[in-house]
Amino acid sequence: MILSGNEIRKHLGSKIFIEPYDESRLNPNSYNLTLNEELMTYEELILDMRQPHRIRRITIPEEGYVLNPNQLYLARTNEMTETHGFVPMIEGRSSIGRLGLFVHVTAGFGDVGFKGFWTLEMFAVQPIRIYPNVPICQIFYHEITGDITEYVSDKYQNNHGIQPSLLFKELNPGAQPPDESQMAFPFDNS
């Protein structure tokens, strides 16, 4: 069962935490999360699951930034969430999907106990201009039955920014991510 907006409100501060919280973004059975100003793309043309990858950070200016088709963009929500006793999930807003922007390509499913910002896997069907701080997706909560073991991870738990894939930590534990300070073009403000 999915929690209603009133149930989400009822559990705020005890089992559900959303920071910052804005009552106007509470829906009948979800809450709208907003887009942070930072994007991330991978620098390699071929991504290897066993290896860390160089990334490029892009700042979305107030006048917007055009996403191109056939390019994966990682972004994050402005809101940090924490959930206990429920399964958090995110979905793109229908108004965003109707413009051909997929907000989370595959990873909309969260775990009980997750705490952090949500990394969004964005992919555009055609060029689209996006803006910082727009309501980009919605979080909703499922009830869970049975004994609960909360999410514990050294990869994504308590993150503070966009999280590129850290699958290499499972498949190749000795690999080290590249030092962003050594990259030729770590930031793009265009």
N, C-alpha and C. Protein backbone atom coordinates (compact mmCIF):
# COMPACT_ATOMS: atom_id res chain seq x y z
N MET A 1 0.83 -1.18 0.00
CA MET A 1 0.00 0.00 0.00
C MET A 1 0.88 1.25 0.00
N ILE A 2 0.41 2.26 -0.69
CA ILE A 2 1.13 3.54 -0.78
C ILE A 2 0.54 4.51 0.24
N LEU A 3 1.42 5.25 0.91
CA LEU A 3 0.94 6.22 1.90
C LEU A 3 0.26 7.40 1.21
N SER A 4 -0.80 7.88 1.83
CA SER A 4 -1.45 9.10 1.36
C SER A 4 -0.61 10.30 1.77
N GLY A 5 -0.90 11.45 1.20
CA GLY A 5 -0.21 12.67 1.60
C GLY A 5 -0.38 12.95 3.08
N ASN A 6 -1.57 12.69 3.60
CA ASN A 6 -1.82 12.91 5.03
C ASN A 6 -0.98 11.97 5.89
N GLU A 7 -0.78 10.72 5.42
CA GLU A 7 0.07 9.78 6.16
C GLU A 7 1.53 10.19 6.09
N ILE A 8 1.96 10.71 4.94
CA ILE A 8 3.33 11.22 4.83
C ILE A 8 3.53 12.32 5.87
N ARG A 9 2.60 13.27 5.91
CA ARG A 9 2.68 14.38 6.86
C ARG A 9 2.71 13.86 8.30
N LYS A 10 1.89 12.86 8.58
CA LYS A 10 1.79 12.30 9.93
C LYS A 10 3.12 11.72 10.42
N HIS A 11 3.92 11.14 9.49
CA HIS A 11 5.18 10.49 9.86
C HIS A 11 6.41 11.39 9.73
N LEU A 12 6.20 12.64 9.29
CA LEU A 12 7.33 13.57 9.18
C LEU A 12 7.97 13.78 10.55
N GLY A 13 9.26 13.69 10.60
CA GLY A 13 9.99 13.91 11.84
C GLY A 13 10.15 12.67 12.70
N SER A 14 9.49 11.57 12.31
CA SER A 14 9.66 10.33 13.07
C SER A 14 10.17 9.20 12.17
N LYS A 15 9.41 8.82 11.14
CA LYS A 15 9.83 7.78 10.21
C LYS A 15 10.22 8.34 8.85
N ILE A 16 9.75 9.53 8.54
CA ILE A 16 10.04 10.18 7.25
C ILE A 16 10.63 11.55 7.53
N PHE A 17 11.78 11.80 6.91
CA PHE A 17 12.44 13.10 7.02
C PHE A 17 12.67 13.62 5.61
N ILE A 18 12.29 14.86 5.36
CA ILE A 18 12.52 15.54 4.08
C ILE A 18 13.05 16.92 4.43
N GLU A 19 14.29 17.20 4.03
CA GLU A 19 14.91 18.49 4.34
C GLU A 19 15.48 19.13 3.09
N PRO A 20 15.10 20.33 2.71
CA PRO A 20 14.06 21.13 3.33
C PRO A 20 12.67 20.62 2.93
N TYR A 21 11.71 20.88 3.77
CA TYR A 21 10.32 20.47 3.52
C TYR A 21 9.50 21.70 3.20
N ASP A 22 8.62 21.58 2.21
CA ASP A 22 7.72 22.66 1.81
C ASP A 22 6.32 22.06 1.68
N GLU A 23 5.43 22.43 2.55
CA GLU A 23 4.07 21.88 2.57
C GLU A 23 3.37 21.99 1.21
N SER A 24 3.68 23.01 0.44
CA SER A 24 3.01 23.21 -0.85
C SER A 24 3.37 22.13 -1.87
N ARG A 25 4.42 21.35 -1.62
CA ARG A 25 4.82 20.29 -2.55
C ARG A 25 4.29 18.91 -2.15
N LEU A 26 3.46 18.88 -1.10
CA LEU A 26 2.83 17.62 -0.69
C LEU A 26 1.63 17.36 -1.58
N ASN A 27 1.58 16.18 -2.19
CA ASN A 27 0.50 15.78 -3.09
C ASN A 27 -0.42 14.78 -2.39
N PRO A 28 -1.50 14.34 -3.04
CA PRO A 28 -2.41 13.37 -2.42
C PRO A 28 -1.74 12.07 -1.98
N ASN A 29 -0.68 11.62 -2.68
CA ASN A 29 0.02 10.39 -2.28
C ASN A 29 1.51 10.45 -2.61
N SER A 30 2.10 11.64 -2.63
CA SER A 30 3.53 11.79 -2.90
C SER A 30 3.98 13.18 -2.47
N TYR A 31 5.28 13.43 -2.66
CA TYR A 31 5.85 14.74 -2.35
C TYR A 31 6.81 15.08 -3.49
N ASN A 32 6.72 16.30 -4.04
CA ASN A 32 7.59 16.72 -5.14
C ASN A 32 8.97 17.11 -4.63
N LEU A 33 9.99 16.50 -5.23
CA LEU A 33 11.38 16.84 -4.95
C LEU A 33 11.91 17.73 -6.07
N THR A 34 12.85 18.61 -5.75
CA THR A 34 13.33 19.59 -6.72
C THR A 34 14.74 19.28 -7.20
N LEU A 35 15.09 19.85 -8.36
CA LEU A 35 16.36 19.60 -9.02
C LEU A 35 17.44 20.54 -8.51
N ASN A 36 18.56 19.97 -8.08
CA ASN A 36 19.72 20.76 -7.67
C ASN A 36 20.36 21.37 -8.91
N GLU A 37 21.19 22.37 -8.71
CA GLU A 37 21.82 23.08 -9.83
C GLU A 37 22.99 22.34 -10.47
N GLU A 38 23.42 21.24 -9.89
CA GLU A 38 24.59 20.54 -10.42
C GLU A 38 24.20 19.31 -11.22
N LEU A 39 24.89 19.11 -12.35
CA LEU A 39 24.77 17.90 -13.16
C LEU A 39 26.13 17.24 -13.22
N MET A 40 26.14 15.99 -13.62
CA MET A 40 27.38 15.25 -13.80
C MET A 40 27.24 14.38 -15.05
N THR A 41 28.32 14.31 -15.83
CA THR A 41 28.36 13.39 -16.97
C THR A 41 29.66 12.59 -16.89
N TYR A 42 29.67 11.45 -17.54
CA TYR A 42 30.89 10.64 -17.61
C TYR A 42 31.75 11.13 -18.77
N GLU A 43 33.05 11.09 -18.60
CA GLU A 43 33.99 11.53 -19.63
C GLU A 43 34.29 10.42 -20.63
N GLU A 44 34.29 9.15 -20.21
CA GLU A 44 34.62 8.05 -21.11
C GLU A 44 33.47 7.78 -22.08
N LEU A 45 33.83 7.37 -23.30
CA LEU A 45 32.82 6.98 -24.28
C LEU A 45 32.31 5.57 -24.00
N ILE A 46 33.18 4.72 -23.48
CA ILE A 46 32.80 3.36 -23.12
C ILE A 46 32.95 3.23 -21.62
N LEU A 47 31.87 2.85 -20.96
CA LEU A 47 31.90 2.69 -19.50
C LEU A 47 32.13 1.22 -19.16
N ASP A 48 33.06 0.97 -18.26
CA ASP A 48 33.40 -0.37 -17.82
C ASP A 48 32.87 -0.54 -16.39
N MET A 49 32.01 -1.53 -16.18
CA MET A 49 31.40 -1.75 -14.87
C MET A 49 32.43 -1.99 -13.77
N ARG A 50 33.59 -2.50 -14.13
CA ARG A 50 34.61 -2.85 -13.13
C ARG A 50 35.56 -1.70 -12.81
N GLN A 51 35.38 -0.57 -13.49
CA GLN A 51 36.33 0.53 -13.32
C GLN A 51 35.61 1.82 -12.88
N PRO A 52 36.29 2.64 -12.08
CA PRO A 52 35.76 3.97 -11.79
C PRO A 52 35.91 4.84 -13.05
N HIS A 53 35.15 5.90 -13.13
CA HIS A 53 35.15 6.72 -14.33
C HIS A 53 35.39 8.19 -14.01
N ARG A 54 36.04 8.86 -14.96
CA ARG A 54 36.20 10.31 -14.84
C ARG A 54 34.84 10.95 -15.10
N ILE A 55 34.58 12.03 -14.41
CA ILE A 55 33.30 12.71 -14.55
C ILE A 55 33.54 14.19 -14.81
N ARG A 56 32.52 14.82 -15.33
CA ARG A 56 32.52 16.27 -15.53
C ARG A 56 31.32 16.84 -14.77
N ARG A 57 31.56 17.90 -14.04
CA ARG A 57 30.48 18.57 -13.31
C ARG A 57 30.03 19.80 -14.10
N ILE A 58 28.73 20.00 -14.15
CA ILE A 58 28.12 21.11 -14.88
C ILE A 58 27.19 21.84 -13.93
N THR A 59 27.25 23.15 -13.92
CA THR A 59 26.32 23.95 -13.12
C THR A 59 25.21 24.46 -14.03
N ILE A 60 23.97 24.21 -13.64
CA ILE A 60 22.83 24.69 -14.42
C ILE A 60 22.61 26.17 -14.07
N PRO A 61 22.78 27.09 -15.04
CA PRO A 61 22.56 28.50 -14.73
C PRO A 61 21.06 28.81 -14.59
N GLU A 62 20.74 29.95 -14.03
CA GLU A 62 19.34 30.34 -13.85
C GLU A 62 18.58 30.38 -15.17
N GLU A 63 19.29 30.73 -16.27
CA GLU A 63 18.64 30.79 -17.58
C GLU A 63 18.46 29.42 -18.21
N GLY A 64 18.88 28.38 -17.52
CA GLY A 64 18.66 27.02 -17.96
C GLY A 64 19.86 26.41 -18.68
N TYR A 65 19.77 25.12 -18.91
CA TYR A 65 20.82 24.35 -19.57
C TYR A 65 20.14 23.31 -20.45
N VAL A 66 20.60 23.16 -21.69
CA VAL A 66 19.98 22.24 -22.64
C VAL A 66 20.63 20.86 -22.51
N LEU A 67 19.80 19.87 -22.23
CA LEU A 67 20.24 18.47 -22.22
C LEU A 67 20.12 17.94 -23.64
N ASN A 68 21.13 17.22 -24.08
CA ASN A 68 21.13 16.64 -25.42
C ASN A 68 20.71 15.18 -25.38
N PRO A 69 20.08 14.69 -26.45
CA PRO A 69 19.73 13.26 -26.53
C PRO A 69 21.00 12.40 -26.55
N ASN A 70 20.84 11.14 -26.25
CA ASN A 70 21.93 10.16 -26.28
C ASN A 70 23.06 10.49 -25.32
N GLN A 71 22.74 11.14 -24.24
CA GLN A 71 23.72 11.49 -23.20
C GLN A 71 23.07 11.24 -21.85
N LEU A 72 23.74 10.51 -20.99
CA LEU A 72 23.24 10.31 -19.63
C LEU A 72 23.74 11.45 -18.76
N TYR A 73 22.82 12.07 -18.05
CA TYR A 73 23.16 13.13 -17.10
C TYR A 73 22.77 12.64 -15.72
N LEU A 74 23.67 12.75 -14.78
CA LEU A 74 23.35 12.45 -13.39
C LEU A 74 23.09 13.78 -12.69
N ALA A 75 22.08 13.80 -11.86
CA ALA A 75 21.73 15.01 -11.12
C ALA A 75 21.36 14.56 -9.72
N ARG A 76 20.91 15.50 -8.90
CA ARG A 76 20.43 15.11 -7.58
C ARG A 76 19.32 16.04 -7.16
N THR A 77 18.61 15.58 -6.16
CA THR A 77 17.56 16.41 -5.57
C THR A 77 18.17 17.43 -4.63
N ASN A 78 17.47 18.53 -4.44
CA ASN A 78 17.87 19.49 -3.41
C ASN A 78 17.59 18.94 -2.02
N GLU A 79 16.61 18.06 -1.93
CA GLU A 79 16.16 17.55 -0.65
C GLU A 79 16.93 16.29 -0.25
N MET A 80 17.30 16.26 1.02
CA MET A 80 17.85 15.05 1.63
C MET A 80 16.66 14.35 2.28
N THR A 81 16.56 13.05 2.08
CA THR A 81 15.47 12.30 2.72
C THR A 81 16.06 11.17 3.57
N GLU A 82 15.28 10.78 4.54
CA GLU A 82 15.61 9.63 5.39
C GLU A 82 14.30 8.92 5.68
N THR A 83 14.31 7.61 5.56
CA THR A 83 13.07 6.85 5.71
C THR A 83 13.28 5.63 6.58
N HIS A 84 12.40 5.43 7.55
CA HIS A 84 12.42 4.25 8.43
C HIS A 84 11.03 3.64 8.43
N GLY A 85 10.96 2.33 8.24
CA GLY A 85 9.68 1.63 8.33
C GLY A 85 8.86 1.65 7.05
N PHE A 86 9.31 2.35 6.02
CA PHE A 86 8.63 2.40 4.73
C PHE A 86 9.67 2.25 3.62
N VAL A 87 9.20 1.87 2.43
CA VAL A 87 10.08 1.78 1.26
C VAL A 87 9.88 3.05 0.43
N PRO A 88 10.92 3.90 0.33
CA PRO A 88 10.78 5.10 -0.48
C PRO A 88 11.02 4.80 -1.96
N MET A 89 10.26 5.46 -2.82
CA MET A 89 10.45 5.31 -4.26
C MET A 89 10.29 6.68 -4.90
N ILE A 90 10.98 6.89 -6.02
CA ILE A 90 10.78 8.12 -6.77
C ILE A 90 10.32 7.80 -8.18
N GLU A 91 9.56 8.71 -8.72
CA GLU A 91 9.06 8.65 -10.10
C GLU A 91 9.17 10.04 -10.67
N GLY A 92 9.41 10.11 -11.97
CA GLY A 92 9.38 11.41 -12.63
C GLY A 92 7.95 11.95 -12.63
N ARG A 93 7.84 13.25 -12.63
CA ARG A 93 6.52 13.87 -12.73
C ARG A 93 5.99 13.69 -14.14
N SER A 94 4.69 13.50 -14.29
CA SER A 94 4.12 13.26 -15.62
C SER A 94 4.34 14.45 -16.55
N SER A 95 4.30 15.66 -16.02
CA SER A 95 4.54 16.84 -16.86
C SER A 95 5.95 16.86 -17.42
N ILE A 96 6.92 16.33 -16.68
CA ILE A 96 8.30 16.24 -17.14
C ILE A 96 8.42 15.12 -18.19
N GLY A 97 7.81 13.98 -17.92
CA GLY A 97 7.84 12.86 -18.86
C GLY A 97 7.20 13.21 -20.19
N ARG A 98 6.18 14.05 -20.18
CA ARG A 98 5.50 14.43 -21.41
C ARG A 98 6.34 15.36 -22.27
N LEU A 99 7.43 15.85 -21.72
CA LEU A 99 8.40 16.63 -22.50
C LEU A 99 9.54 15.74 -23.01
N GLY A 100 9.47 14.45 -22.71
CA GLY A 100 10.49 13.51 -23.20
C GLY A 100 11.73 13.43 -22.33
N LEU A 101 11.60 13.81 -21.06
CA LEU A 101 12.74 13.71 -20.15
C LEU A 101 12.48 12.58 -19.16
N PHE A 102 13.33 11.56 -19.21
CA PHE A 102 13.27 10.48 -18.24
C PHE A 102 14.11 10.91 -17.05
N VAL A 103 13.54 10.91 -15.86
CA VAL A 103 14.21 11.46 -14.68
C VAL A 103 15.02 10.42 -13.95
N HIS A 104 14.59 9.21 -13.91
CA HIS A 104 15.38 8.14 -13.31
C HIS A 104 15.25 6.93 -14.23
N VAL A 105 16.30 6.65 -14.95
CA VAL A 105 16.23 5.62 -15.97
C VAL A 105 15.88 4.26 -15.37
N THR A 106 16.52 3.88 -14.27
CA THR A 106 16.23 2.57 -13.69
C THR A 106 16.13 2.55 -12.18
N ALA A 107 16.66 3.53 -11.49
CA ALA A 107 16.87 3.39 -10.06
C ALA A 107 15.91 4.23 -9.21
N GLY A 108 14.63 4.01 -9.36
CA GLY A 108 13.67 4.75 -8.56
C GLY A 108 13.30 4.09 -7.26
N PHE A 109 13.85 2.91 -7.03
CA PHE A 109 13.51 2.11 -5.86
C PHE A 109 14.53 2.38 -4.75
N GLY A 110 14.05 2.79 -3.59
CA GLY A 110 14.93 3.02 -2.45
C GLY A 110 14.84 1.89 -1.45
N ASP A 111 15.65 1.94 -0.44
CA ASP A 111 15.65 0.92 0.61
C ASP A 111 15.22 1.53 1.93
N VAL A 112 14.58 0.71 2.75
CA VAL A 112 14.23 1.12 4.11
C VAL A 112 15.53 1.52 4.82
N GLY A 113 15.55 2.70 5.41
CA GLY A 113 16.73 3.16 6.12
C GLY A 113 17.64 4.04 5.30
N PHE A 114 17.34 4.24 4.00
CA PHE A 114 18.19 5.10 3.18
C PHE A 114 18.15 6.52 3.70
N LYS A 115 19.33 7.14 3.75
CA LYS A 115 19.46 8.55 4.14
C LYS A 115 20.41 9.21 3.16
N GLY A 116 19.95 10.26 2.50
CA GLY A 116 20.81 10.99 1.58
C GLY A 116 20.00 11.72 0.53
N PHE A 117 20.73 12.26 -0.44
CA PHE A 117 20.10 12.91 -1.58
C PHE A 117 19.85 11.83 -2.63
N TRP A 118 18.86 12.03 -3.47
CA TRP A 118 18.54 11.08 -4.52
C TRP A 118 19.31 11.46 -5.78
N THR A 119 20.11 10.54 -6.29
CA THR A 119 20.78 10.75 -7.57
C THR A 119 19.78 10.39 -8.67
N LEU A 120 19.63 11.29 -9.62
CA LEU A 120 18.69 11.12 -10.73
C LEU A 120 19.47 10.76 -11.98
N GLU A 121 19.01 9.78 -12.72
CA GLU A 121 19.62 9.35 -13.98
C GLU A 121 18.76 9.92 -15.10
N MET A 122 19.16 11.04 -15.65
CA MET A 122 18.31 11.76 -16.60
C MET A 122 18.75 11.51 -18.05
N PHE A 123 17.75 11.29 -18.89
CA PHE A 123 17.98 11.01 -20.30
C PHE A 123 16.88 11.71 -21.10
N ALA A 124 17.27 12.52 -22.09
CA ALA A 124 16.31 13.28 -22.88
C ALA A 124 16.07 12.62 -24.24
N VAL A 125 14.82 12.55 -24.65
CA VAL A 125 14.45 12.02 -25.96
C VAL A 125 14.84 13.00 -27.05
N GLN A 126 14.70 14.29 -26.77
CA GLN A 126 15.10 15.35 -27.69
C GLN A 126 15.70 16.46 -26.85
N PRO A 127 16.35 17.45 -27.46
CA PRO A 127 16.92 18.53 -26.64
C PRO A 127 15.85 19.19 -25.77
N ILE A 128 16.20 19.43 -24.52
CA ILE A 128 15.26 20.06 -23.59
C ILE A 128 16.04 20.96 -22.65
N ARG A 129 15.49 22.15 -22.41
CA ARG A 129 16.11 23.10 -21.48
C ARG A 129 15.55 22.83 -20.08
N ILE A 130 16.47 22.63 -19.14
CA ILE A 130 16.07 22.41 -17.75
C ILE A 130 16.56 23.57 -16.89
N TYR A 131 15.98 23.70 -15.71
CA TYR A 131 16.28 24.81 -14.81
C TYR A 131 16.51 24.29 -13.40
N PRO A 132 17.37 24.96 -12.64
CA PRO A 132 17.58 24.52 -11.25
C PRO A 132 16.33 24.79 -10.41
N ASN A 133 16.15 23.98 -9.41
CA ASN A 133 15.11 24.14 -8.38
C ASN A 133 13.69 23.85 -8.84
N VAL A 134 13.50 23.32 -10.06
CA VAL A 134 12.15 22.97 -10.49
C VAL A 134 11.74 21.65 -9.85
N PRO A 135 10.46 21.47 -9.53
CA PRO A 135 10.00 20.16 -9.06
C PRO A 135 10.18 19.15 -10.20
N ILE A 136 11.07 18.18 -10.00
CA ILE A 136 11.51 17.29 -11.07
C ILE A 136 10.95 15.87 -10.93
N CYS A 137 10.71 15.44 -9.69
CA CYS A 137 10.23 14.08 -9.47
C CYS A 137 9.41 14.06 -8.19
N GLN A 138 8.83 12.92 -7.91
CA GLN A 138 8.04 12.79 -6.69
C GLN A 138 8.46 11.55 -5.93
N ILE A 139 8.49 11.69 -4.62
CA ILE A 139 8.80 10.55 -3.76
C ILE A 139 7.49 10.05 -3.16
N PHE A 140 7.37 8.74 -3.10
CA PHE A 140 6.21 8.14 -2.44
C PHE A 140 6.69 6.97 -1.61
N TYR A 141 5.83 6.48 -0.74
CA TYR A 141 6.25 5.51 0.26
C TYR A 141 5.31 4.32 0.28
N HIS A 142 5.90 3.12 0.27
CA HIS A 142 5.16 1.87 0.38
C HIS A 142 5.30 1.33 1.80
N GLU A 143 4.21 0.73 2.28
CA GLU A 143 4.31 -0.01 3.54
C GLU A 143 5.08 -1.30 3.26
N ILE A 144 5.73 -1.81 4.29
CA ILE A 144 6.51 -3.04 4.15
C ILE A 144 6.07 -3.99 5.26
N THR A 145 6.03 -5.28 4.96
CA THR A 145 5.65 -6.26 5.98
C THR A 145 6.84 -7.15 6.30
N GLY A 146 6.82 -7.75 7.46
CA GLY A 146 7.90 -8.64 7.87
C GLY A 146 8.97 -7.90 8.64
N ASP A 147 9.94 -8.67 9.11
CA ASP A 147 11.07 -8.09 9.84
C ASP A 147 11.87 -7.20 8.90
N ILE A 148 12.29 -6.06 9.40
CA ILE A 148 13.01 -5.09 8.57
C ILE A 148 14.48 -5.09 8.94
N THR A 149 15.33 -5.18 7.92
CA THR A 149 16.76 -4.93 8.07
C THR A 149 17.03 -3.65 7.28
N GLU A 150 17.44 -2.61 7.97
CA GLU A 150 17.62 -1.33 7.30
C GLU A 150 18.87 -1.31 6.42
N TYR A 151 18.82 -0.48 5.40
CA TYR A 151 19.89 -0.32 4.42
C TYR A 151 21.17 0.16 5.09
N VAL A 152 22.27 -0.52 4.78
CA VAL A 152 23.59 -0.14 5.24
C VAL A 152 24.51 -0.27 4.04
N SER A 153 25.27 0.79 3.73
CA SER A 153 26.15 0.74 2.57
C SER A 153 27.26 1.75 2.73
N ASP A 154 28.46 1.38 2.30
CA ASP A 154 29.55 2.36 2.29
C ASP A 154 29.61 3.07 0.94
N LYS A 155 28.67 2.76 0.05
CA LYS A 155 28.67 3.36 -1.27
C LYS A 155 27.78 4.61 -1.34
N TYR A 156 26.52 4.46 -0.96
CA TYR A 156 25.56 5.53 -1.23
C TYR A 156 24.91 6.13 0.01
N GLN A 157 24.95 5.44 1.12
CA GLN A 157 24.31 5.93 2.34
C GLN A 157 24.99 7.22 2.82
N ASN A 158 24.20 8.17 3.30
CA ASN A 158 24.68 9.45 3.83
C ASN A 158 25.46 10.26 2.79
N ASN A 159 25.11 10.13 1.52
CA ASN A 159 25.81 10.88 0.48
C ASN A 159 25.53 12.37 0.63
N HIS A 160 26.41 13.18 0.04
CA HIS A 160 26.25 14.63 0.11
C HIS A 160 26.20 15.26 -1.27
N GLY A 161 26.11 14.46 -2.30
CA GLY A 161 26.07 15.01 -3.65
C GLY A 161 25.67 13.94 -4.64
N ILE A 162 25.85 14.25 -5.92
CA ILE A 162 25.54 13.29 -6.97
C ILE A 162 26.49 12.10 -6.83
N GLN A 163 25.95 10.92 -6.95
CA GLN A 163 26.74 9.71 -6.82
C GLN A 163 26.84 9.00 -8.16
N PRO A 164 28.02 9.01 -8.79
CA PRO A 164 28.18 8.19 -9.99
C PRO A 164 28.14 6.72 -9.57
N SER A 165 28.10 5.83 -10.54
CA SER A 165 28.07 4.41 -10.20
C SER A 165 29.32 4.03 -9.41
N LEU A 166 29.09 3.32 -8.34
CA LEU A 166 30.19 2.78 -7.53
C LEU A 166 30.20 1.26 -7.59
N LEU A 167 29.64 0.71 -8.66
CA LEU A 167 29.59 -0.74 -8.85
C LEU A 167 30.99 -1.34 -8.82
N PHE A 168 32.00 -0.58 -9.27
CA PHE A 168 33.37 -1.09 -9.27
C PHE A 168 33.82 -1.51 -7.88
N LYS A 169 33.24 -0.93 -6.83
CA LYS A 169 33.62 -1.31 -5.46
C LYS A 169 33.24 -2.76 -5.17
N GLU A 170 32.19 -3.26 -5.82
CA GLU A 170 31.78 -4.66 -5.66
C GLU A 170 32.59 -5.57 -6.58
N LEU A 171 32.77 -5.14 -7.83
CA LEU A 171 33.38 -6.00 -8.84
C LEU A 171 34.90 -5.93 -8.87
N ASN A 172 35.46 -4.82 -8.37
CA ASN A 172 36.91 -4.61 -8.42
C ASN A 172 37.30 -3.78 -7.19
N PRO A 173 37.25 -4.39 -6.00
CA PRO A 173 37.41 -3.64 -4.75
C PRO A 173 38.70 -2.83 -4.64
N GLY A 174 39.74 -3.17 -5.36
CA GLY A 174 41.00 -2.43 -5.25
C GLY A 174 41.05 -1.17 -6.10
N ALA A 175 40.08 -0.98 -7.00
CA ALA A 175 40.10 0.18 -7.90
C ALA A 175 39.83 1.46 -7.13
N GLN A 176 40.51 2.52 -7.52
CA GLN A 176 40.34 3.83 -6.88
C GLN A 176 39.73 4.80 -7.88
N PRO A 177 38.77 5.63 -7.43
CA PRO A 177 38.20 6.62 -8.34
C PRO A 177 39.24 7.66 -8.73
N PRO A 178 39.14 8.24 -9.93
CA PRO A 178 40.10 9.26 -10.34
C PRO A 178 39.98 10.50 -9.46
N ASP A 179 41.08 11.19 -9.28
CA ASP A 179 41.12 12.43 -8.51
C ASP A 179 40.56 13.54 -9.39
N GLU A 180 39.41 14.11 -8.98
CA GLU A 180 38.77 15.14 -9.79
C GLU A 180 39.66 16.35 -10.00
N SER A 181 40.56 16.64 -9.09
CA SER A 181 41.41 17.82 -9.22
C SER A 181 42.42 17.67 -10.36
N GLN A 182 42.63 16.45 -10.83
CA GLN A 182 43.57 16.21 -11.92
C GLN A 182 42.90 16.23 -13.29
N MET A 183 41.60 16.42 -13.33
CA MET A 183 40.89 16.42 -14.59
C MET A 183 41.08 17.74 -15.32
N ALA A 184 41.11 17.69 -16.65
CA ALA A 184 41.35 18.90 -17.45
C ALA A 184 40.18 19.87 -17.35
N PHE A 185 38.95 19.38 -17.38
CA PHE A 185 37.77 20.25 -17.37
C PHE A 185 36.74 19.74 -16.36
N PRO A 186 37.00 19.87 -15.06
CA PRO A 186 36.07 19.31 -14.10
C PRO A 186 34.73 20.04 -14.01
N PHE A 187 34.68 21.32 -14.37
CA PHE A 187 33.43 22.06 -14.27
C PHE A 187 33.09 22.72 -15.59
N ASP A 188 31.81 22.79 -15.91
CA ASP A 188 31.33 23.43 -17.12
C ASP A 188 30.15 24.31 -16.71
N ASN A 189 30.28 25.58 -16.84
CA ASN A 189 29.22 26.51 -16.46
C ASN A 189 28.50 27.08 -17.67
N SER A 190 28.58 26.40 -18.81
CA SER A 190 27.93 26.93 -20.00
C SER A 190 26.44 26.70 -19.98
